[in-house]
Protein backbone atom coordinates (compact mmCIF):
# COMPACT_ATOMS: atom_id res chain seq x y z
CA MET A 1 5.57 10.35 5.72
CA GLN A 2 3.27 9.74 2.76
CA VAL A 3 4.06 6.71 0.61
CA ALA A 4 2.11 6.02 -2.59
CA PHE A 5 1.87 2.51 -4.06
CA TRP A 6 1.27 2.96 -7.78
CA SER A 7 1.65 1.20 -11.12
CA VAL A 8 1.68 2.10 -14.79
CA VAL A 9 -0.72 -0.77 -15.52
CA HIS A 10 -4.05 -1.74 -14.02
CA GLY A 11 -4.68 -5.22 -12.67
CA GLN A 12 -1.28 -6.73 -13.53
CA ALA A 13 1.14 -5.53 -10.88
CA SER A 14 -0.56 -6.65 -7.64
CA THR A 15 -0.26 -3.13 -6.23
CA THR A 16 -2.90 -3.63 -3.55
CA SER A 17 -1.61 -6.97 -2.27
CA ASN A 18 1.96 -5.63 -2.30
CA MET A 19 0.90 -2.71 -0.10
CA ILE A 20 -0.94 -5.06 2.22
CA ALA A 21 2.15 -7.25 2.60
CA VAL A 22 4.46 -4.27 3.18
CA SER A 23 2.13 -2.56 5.65
CA LEU A 24 1.54 -5.70 7.72
CA MET A 25 5.22 -6.55 7.88
CA THR A 26 6.03 -2.96 8.87
CA ALA A 27 3.35 -2.85 11.56
CA LEU A 28 4.40 -6.18 13.06
CA GLU A 29 8.15 -5.57 13.06
CA TYR A 30 8.58 -1.85 13.77
CA ARG A 31 7.45 0.56 16.48
CA MET A 32 5.38 2.81 14.27
CA LYS A 33 1.76 3.78 13.74
CA LEU A 34 0.54 3.23 10.20
CA LEU A 35 -2.58 4.21 8.27
CA ILE A 36 -3.50 2.54 4.99
CA THR A 37 -6.11 3.68 2.48
CA HIS A 38 -6.78 3.98 -1.25
CA ASN A 39 -8.30 6.31 -3.84
CA HIS A 40 -9.98 3.71 -6.06
CA PHE A 41 -13.50 4.43 -7.27
CA GLU A 42 -13.92 1.04 -8.87
CA LYS A 43 -13.84 -2.03 -6.64
CA SER A 44 -10.68 -2.34 -4.55
CA THR A 45 -9.56 -5.49 -2.80
CA LEU A 46 -7.88 -3.61 0.05
CA GLU A 47 -10.77 -3.85 2.49
CA SER A 48 -11.84 -7.37 1.50
CA SER A 49 -8.29 -8.71 1.96
CA LEU A 50 -8.09 -7.42 5.51
CA ILE A 51 -11.62 -7.72 6.86
CA ASN A 52 -14.03 -10.64 7.03
CA ARG A 53 -16.28 -10.41 3.98
CA ARG A 54 -19.49 -10.93 5.94
CA TYR A 55 -18.69 -8.07 8.29
CA LEU A 56 -17.47 -5.92 5.41
CA LYS A 57 -20.71 -6.47 3.50
CA LYS A 58 -23.24 -6.24 6.33
CA GLY A 59 -21.52 -4.22 9.02
CA LEU A 60 -18.69 -1.92 8.15
CA THR A 61 -20.05 -0.46 4.93
CA ASP A 62 -23.38 0.28 6.59
CA LEU A 63 -21.75 2.63 9.06
CA GLU A 64 -22.19 6.11 7.69
CA ASP A 65 -19.60 7.54 10.10
CA THR A 66 -16.69 5.38 8.92
CA GLY A 67 -14.24 5.76 6.06
CA ILE A 68 -13.16 8.36 3.57
CA ASP A 69 -16.70 9.37 2.54
CA ALA A 70 -17.68 10.24 6.10
CA LEU A 71 -14.37 11.95 6.75
CA SER A 72 -14.77 14.01 3.57
CA ARG A 73 -18.19 15.20 4.73
CA PHE A 74 -16.73 16.13 8.10
CA VAL A 75 -13.89 18.15 6.55
CA LYS A 76 -16.34 20.30 4.57
CA PHE A 77 -17.82 21.78 7.76
CA ASN A 78 -15.17 21.32 10.44
CA ASN A 79 -11.51 21.85 11.14
CA ILE A 80 -9.71 18.56 10.86
CA ASP A 81 -7.18 17.33 13.42
CA LYS A 82 -5.52 14.05 14.33
CA ASP A 83 -8.41 12.96 16.53
CA SER A 84 -10.82 13.49 13.66
CA ILE A 85 -8.83 11.11 11.47
CA VAL A 86 -8.74 8.34 14.07
CA ASN A 87 -12.48 8.53 14.64
CA TYR A 88 -13.13 7.52 11.03
CA THR A 89 -10.67 4.64 10.80
CA THR A 90 -10.91 0.91 11.49
CA THR A 91 -8.26 -0.72 13.68
CA LEU A 92 -6.50 -3.76 12.21
CA LEU A 93 -3.61 -4.04 14.70
CA LYS A 94 -4.08 -2.04 17.89
CA ASN A 95 -1.77 0.98 18.13
CA ARG A 96 0.02 -0.16 14.99
CA LEU A 97 -2.17 -0.33 11.90
CA ASP A 98 -5.43 1.39 10.99
CA LEU A 99 -7.50 1.32 7.80
CA LEU A 100 -9.41 4.22 6.28
CA ILE A 101 -11.91 2.45 4.05
CA GLY A 102 -12.57 3.76 0.55
CA THR A 103 -15.63 5.22 -1.05
CA SER A 104 -19.09 3.67 -1.41
CA ASN A 105 -20.08 6.54 -3.73
CA THR A 106 -21.79 5.41 -6.94
CA ASN A 107 -21.31 8.69 -8.83
CA ARG A 108 -17.81 8.71 -10.31
CA GLU A 109 -17.75 12.39 -11.23
CA LEU A 110 -19.04 13.47 -7.83
CA TYR A 111 -16.49 11.27 -6.06
CA PHE A 112 -13.49 12.64 -7.93
CA ASN A 113 -14.70 16.25 -7.70
CA ASN A 114 -15.35 16.09 -3.96
CA LEU A 115 -12.29 14.09 -2.98
CA GLY A 116 -9.94 15.93 -5.30
CA LYS A 117 -10.51 19.18 -3.43
CA ILE A 118 -9.72 17.85 0.04
CA ILE A 119 -7.70 14.66 -0.34
CA GLN A 120 -4.34 16.17 0.53
CA THR A 121 -5.83 18.05 3.48
CA ILE A 122 -6.94 14.68 4.84
CA PHE A 123 -3.60 13.03 4.19
CA ASN A 124 -1.60 15.92 5.67
CA SER A 125 -3.66 15.76 8.84
CA ALA A 126 -3.24 11.98 9.02
CA GLN A 127 0.52 12.40 9.04
CA GLU A 128 0.30 14.39 12.26
CA TYR A 129 -0.93 11.25 14.03
CA TYR A 130 0.59 8.40 12.03
CA ASP A 131 4.26 7.79 11.31
CA ILE A 132 3.55 6.55 7.79
CA LEU A 133 0.56 6.80 5.50
CA PHE A 134 0.47 4.07 2.84
CA ILE A 135 -1.87 4.85 -0.08
CA ASP A 136 -2.94 2.35 -2.73
CA VAL A 137 -3.17 4.73 -5.68
CA CYS A 138 -5.26 3.91 -8.72
CA SER A 139 -2.96 3.03 -11.62
CA GLY A 140 -2.29 5.41 -14.49
CA TYR A 141 -2.54 9.17 -14.39
CA ASN A 142 -6.03 10.34 -13.61
CA GLU A 143 -5.97 13.76 -11.96
CA LEU A 144 -6.49 12.47 -8.43
CA SER A 145 -3.80 9.79 -8.72
CA ARG A 146 -1.34 12.29 -10.13
CA LYS A 147 -2.02 14.67 -7.26
CA ILE A 148 -1.35 11.96 -4.66
CA VAL A 149 1.80 10.76 -6.43
CA ASP A 150 3.14 14.32 -6.70
CA GLU A 151 2.51 15.03 -3.02
CA SER A 152 4.00 11.77 -1.73
CA ASP A 153 7.43 11.57 -0.14
CA LEU A 154 8.04 8.23 -1.83
CA VAL A 155 6.41 6.35 -4.70
CA VAL A 156 6.55 2.56 -4.61
CA VAL A 157 6.22 1.62 -8.27
CA ASN A 158 4.74 -1.85 -8.74
CA LEU A 159 5.78 -3.70 -11.88
CA ASN A 160 5.92 -7.28 -13.08
CA GLN A 161 8.34 -9.29 -15.22
CA ASN A 162 6.62 -8.32 -18.47
CA ILE A 163 9.22 -6.55 -20.60
CA ASN A 164 6.59 -4.21 -22.07
CA VAL A 165 5.51 -3.05 -18.62
CA LEU A 166 9.11 -2.56 -17.53
CA ASP A 167 10.01 -0.63 -20.68
CA ASP A 168 6.94 1.56 -20.35
CA PHE A 169 7.92 2.70 -16.88
CA PHE A 170 11.66 3.17 -17.37
CA GLN A 171 11.30 4.88 -20.74
CA ASN A 172 8.25 7.05 -20.12
CA HIS A 173 8.25 7.88 -16.41
CA LYS A 174 11.78 9.04 -15.73
CA ASP A 175 10.42 11.97 -13.74
CA LEU A 176 9.64 9.55 -10.90
CA LEU A 177 13.01 7.86 -10.67
CA ASP A 178 14.45 10.24 -8.08
CA LYS A 179 11.71 9.59 -5.54
CA CYS A 180 10.72 6.01 -6.17
CA VAL A 181 11.59 2.42 -5.39
CA VAL A 182 10.44 -0.51 -7.51
CA LEU A 183 8.68 -3.69 -6.43
CA ILE A 184 8.60 -6.62 -8.85
CA SER A 185 5.29 -8.38 -8.22
CA MET A 186 4.53 -12.10 -8.39
CA TYR A 187 8.26 -12.56 -8.81
CA ASP A 188 9.59 -15.78 -10.38
CA ASP A 189 13.35 -16.21 -10.22
CA ASN A 190 13.21 -18.77 -13.04
CA SER A 191 12.00 -16.14 -15.49
CA ARG A 192 14.48 -14.85 -18.03
CA PHE A 193 13.61 -11.38 -16.78
CA ASN A 194 14.84 -12.05 -13.26
CA TYR A 195 16.30 -9.65 -10.70
CA LYS A 196 19.81 -9.64 -12.18
CA MET A 197 18.58 -9.08 -15.72
CA ILE A 198 16.20 -6.27 -14.71
CA SER A 199 18.85 -4.55 -12.58
CA ARG A 200 21.40 -4.71 -15.39
CA LYS A 201 19.06 -3.68 -18.21
CA TYR A 202 17.70 -0.61 -16.40
CA GLY A 203 20.80 0.34 -14.44
CA LEU A 204 19.34 -0.29 -11.00
CA LYS A 205 22.04 -0.89 -8.43
CA LYS A 206 19.56 -0.47 -5.58
CA GLY A 207 15.98 0.59 -5.03
CA ILE A 208 14.42 -2.63 -6.29
CA GLY A 209 12.55 -5.16 -4.18
CA LEU A 210 10.86 -8.47 -4.89
CA ILE A 211 7.44 -9.74 -3.86
CA PRO A 212 7.44 -13.43 -4.85
CA TYR A 213 4.31 -15.32 -5.82
CA CYS A 214 2.79 -16.91 -2.71
CA ARG A 215 -0.32 -19.00 -3.13
CA GLU A 216 -1.14 -19.11 0.58
CA PHE A 217 -0.94 -15.33 0.90
CA GLY A 218 -3.17 -14.95 -2.16
CA ASP A 219 -5.71 -17.31 -0.63
CA ALA A 220 -5.58 -15.43 2.66
CA CYS A 221 -6.31 -12.14 0.87
CA ASN A 222 -9.25 -13.75 -0.95
CA GLU A 223 -10.67 -14.82 2.42
CA GLY A 224 -10.07 -11.54 4.26
CA LYS A 225 -7.36 -13.17 6.38
CA ALA A 226 -4.18 -11.35 5.32
CA VAL A 227 -3.52 -10.23 8.91
CA ASP A 228 -3.78 -13.81 10.17
CA PHE A 229 -1.42 -15.02 7.45
CA PHE A 230 1.33 -12.61 8.51
CA MET A 231 0.91 -13.27 12.20
CA ARG A 232 1.26 -17.01 11.54
CA ASN A 233 4.17 -16.78 9.13
CA LEU A 234 6.22 -13.86 10.44
CA ARG A 235 8.85 -16.22 11.90
CA ALA A 236 8.77 -18.80 9.11
CA ASN A 237 12.01 -20.80 8.99
CA LYS A 238 13.97 -21.88 5.94
CA ASP A 239 12.08 -25.15 5.69
CA ASP A 240 8.73 -23.39 5.46
CA SER A 241 7.10 -23.00 2.03
CA ASN A 242 6.36 -19.34 2.81
CA TYR A 243 9.91 -18.49 3.94
CA TYR A 244 11.06 -17.00 0.63
CA PHE A 245 8.00 -14.76 0.41
CA ILE A 246 8.37 -13.51 3.98
CA LYS A 247 12.12 -12.96 3.56
CA GLU A 248 11.69 -10.84 0.43
CA VAL A 249 8.80 -8.82 1.85
CA ARG A 250 10.96 -8.09 4.89
CA LYS A 251 13.83 -6.93 2.66
CA SER A 252 11.44 -4.75 0.65
CA VAL A 253 10.15 -3.13 3.84
CA GLN A 254 13.71 -2.34 4.94
CA MET A 255 14.40 -0.79 1.53
CA ILE A 256 11.29 1.40 1.71
CA LEU A 257 11.92 2.58 5.28
CA GLU A 258 15.55 3.40 4.56
CA LYS A 259 14.49 5.36 1.46
CA ILE A 260 12.34 7.64 3.62
CA ASP A 261 15.19 8.05 6.12
CA ILE A 262 13.78 5.95 8.94
CA ASP A 263 16.47 4.42 11.14
CA ILE A 264 15.23 0.86 11.20
CA SER A 265 17.65 -0.13 13.96
CA LEU A 266 15.91 2.29 16.33
CA LYS A 267 12.39 1.32 15.31
CA LYS A 268 12.81 -2.47 15.16
CA ILE A 269 10.76 -4.42 17.69
CA GLY A 270 13.01 -6.77 19.64
CA ASP A 271 12.64 -10.51 19.22
């Protein structure tokens, strides 16, 4: 299954951190193999949220045989298979979650031209090995983003509680409604535009999840420790300050998996 995380606005909807939260919760609670990646040319926080910055700067990005750039070069001259994909990824959680790092290309036009021709070939091959491919898709409708969104089985649309952002999506992107779910980022229940109001205004009886603001998770992402945060807080109890965040992420994961017809009762890892 290919799942695209996308937003109508850039830099406001926490698309990358939402995907990180969803992918980590999924990998830790369900018996599935996941691959996460992105198509951003400009700086993405996906890698830096999951990997120690020192290693990311001095080690990982110096390896010419890792990531989407190296895999793209391979595809040009070789037949791609599931083993090829794995060889170019970085393991985050063994046998559960891998990362295909994004481009280090400095030529925007060359990047989009090269990747645009083969991106879906790469993603289709990845799905032969992984149960779910989560893609952090650059916001808006550049040609590459549109191609990924169109080819995805599900689009997770990331919005916030700004009425202009909400109106923009529900008024101008109705073509996505049949194959999308919505995540409300940095959610604040005290806002006038809370879950009940949004559901009522836009006629959403289901297909809407919440990712509450969580300072500790934000700090963990800034320090490259998002994996550690989830492993520490996965069983947070009701008295824990991170309980509400974890509870809503868990509910959002269940919504996403059910939308792509995964029987969560069969995949759930026992306590």
